[in-house]
Protein backbone atom coordinates (compact mmCIF):
# COMPACT_ATOMS: atom_id res chain seq x y z
CA MET A 1 90.41 -26.33 -36.02
CA ALA A 2 91.36 -23.39 -33.92
CA LEU A 3 93.66 -22.04 -36.41
CA ARG A 4 91.02 -21.22 -39.06
CA PRO A 5 89.06 -18.58 -37.05
CA ARG A 6 92.11 -16.67 -36.07
CA VAL A 7 93.24 -16.24 -39.65
CA GLY A 8 89.91 -15.19 -40.49
CA LEU A 9 89.85 -12.52 -37.88
CA LEU A 10 93.68 -11.81 -38.57
CA ALA A 11 92.91 -11.06 -42.53
CA LEU A 12 89.46 -9.52 -41.38
CA ALA A 13 91.82 -6.64 -39.28
CA ILE A 14 93.85 -6.23 -41.79
CA GLY A 15 91.39 -5.51 -44.23
CA ALA A 16 90.09 -2.69 -41.66
CA LEU A 17 93.26 -1.37 -41.45
CA LEU A 18 93.97 -1.18 -45.02
CA ALA A 19 90.59 0.14 -46.44
CA PRO A 20 91.06 3.95 -45.47
CA ILE A 21 94.37 3.59 -47.19
CA GLY A 22 92.77 2.24 -50.50
CA VAL A 23 89.84 5.03 -50.07
CA VAL A 24 92.79 7.74 -50.37
CA LEU A 25 94.59 5.88 -52.84
CA ALA A 26 91.94 4.87 -55.29
CA PRO A 27 92.26 6.76 -58.62
CA ARG A 28 89.20 9.43 -60.18
CA ASP A 29 88.20 9.52 -63.73
CA GLY A 30 90.99 11.93 -65.38
CA ALA A 31 93.46 11.71 -62.80
CA ILE A 32 97.22 10.76 -63.35
CA VAL A 33 97.79 7.20 -61.99
CA VAL A 34 100.34 4.90 -61.05
CA VAL A 35 100.44 1.58 -62.88
CA LEU A 36 101.81 -1.37 -61.81
CA ALA A 37 102.63 -4.80 -63.41
CA SER A 38 105.13 -7.21 -63.92
CA SER A 39 107.55 -5.09 -66.03
CA SER A 40 107.44 -1.53 -67.54
CA ALA A 41 106.41 -3.30 -70.82
CA ALA A 42 103.48 -5.07 -69.46
CA ALA A 43 102.10 -1.75 -67.53
CA ALA A 44 102.42 -0.13 -71.09
CA GLU A 45 100.44 -2.89 -72.61
CA ALA A 46 97.62 -2.29 -69.95
CA VAL A 47 97.52 1.28 -70.73
CA SER A 48 97.45 1.15 -74.39
CA ARG A 49 94.88 -1.40 -73.98
CA ALA A 50 93.00 0.93 -71.49
CA ASP A 51 93.14 3.84 -73.90
CA GLY A 52 95.14 5.79 -72.02
CA VAL A 53 98.25 7.81 -72.50
CA ILE A 54 101.64 7.49 -70.66
CA LEU A 55 103.46 10.52 -69.00
CA ALA A 56 106.41 8.83 -67.31
CA ALA A 57 108.08 5.97 -66.25
CA VAL A 58 108.21 4.78 -62.44
CA GLY A 59 110.79 2.81 -61.68
CA ARG A 60 111.02 -0.95 -63.45
CA PHE A 61 107.77 -1.83 -62.99
CA GLY A 62 105.23 1.27 -62.91
CA LEU A 63 104.34 4.12 -65.38
CA LEU A 64 102.14 7.14 -65.18
CA ALA A 65 99.35 7.42 -67.10
CA ARG A 66 96.23 9.31 -67.82
CA SER A 67 93.15 9.13 -69.88
CA ALA A 68 90.32 11.45 -70.32
CA ALA A 69 87.77 8.49 -70.81
CA PRO A 70 85.44 7.40 -67.49
CA GLY A 71 86.66 4.06 -65.90
CA PHE A 72 90.10 4.50 -67.04
CA SER A 73 91.40 2.40 -63.74
CA THR A 74 88.84 -0.53 -64.36
CA ARG A 75 89.88 -0.58 -68.14
CA LEU A 76 93.52 -1.13 -66.66
CA TYR A 77 92.59 -3.58 -64.14
CA GLN A 78 90.83 -5.57 -66.92
CA SER A 79 93.86 -5.05 -69.36
CA GLY A 80 96.56 -7.05 -66.77
CA ALA A 81 97.65 -4.20 -64.44
CA ALA A 82 98.37 -5.57 -60.83
CA LEU A 83 97.80 -2.04 -59.27
CA VAL A 84 96.21 0.95 -60.17
CA PHE A 85 96.45 3.91 -57.61
CA ALA A 86 96.05 8.12 -57.69
CA GLY A 87 99.27 9.33 -59.22
CA LEU A 88 101.12 12.67 -58.34
CA GLY A 89 98.66 15.69 -58.63
CA GLY A 90 99.25 19.21 -59.26
CA GLY A 91 97.02 20.18 -56.39
CA CYS A 92 93.42 21.80 -57.13
CA SER A 93 94.43 22.10 -60.86
CA GLY A 94 94.71 18.63 -61.78
CA LEU A 95 97.75 19.44 -63.66
CA ALA A 96 100.68 17.05 -62.72
CA ARG A 97 103.97 18.17 -62.55
CA ASP A 98 106.92 16.51 -64.11
CA PRO A 99 108.53 14.53 -61.60
CA LEU A 100 112.07 14.72 -62.98
CA ILE A 101 112.22 18.44 -63.08
CA PRO A 102 112.36 19.74 -59.33
CA ALA A 103 109.58 22.28 -58.32
CA ARG A 104 110.72 26.11 -58.66
CA ARG A 105 110.42 28.07 -55.66
CA SER A 106 109.11 31.32 -55.20
CA PRO A 107 111.24 34.44 -54.82
C-alpha cells in the first residue's frame, strides 16, 4: 500500500518538471510543426486529414507540416498523430528555412 502514494508523487514530480517544456514546444496557429506518428505514412495521413501541407520529412516517423487554419495541432491529434510540437522557425518572420540547405553566412 505504501508504494501507491510514492508512484503518484513521482508522477506529479515528473509532470511538474516536464510542464515548462510542453509550454515552450506547444505549437501556435500558423506555425510549422513536427508531426510524429508510428510511421511517415501515418504522419502524412494525419496531416492530410487535418488540412495541412507537408513541408519535409523528419526521420522515419515524422514530418514538418503547416496549416493556415486555426486549431491545426488539435486536428492533428484527432487525426492520429502521436506527438505534435513546434518545428523549425524563421525567426520573427515565421518563415521556415529548409533544413536540408545549409544556412548562408554573411560576408
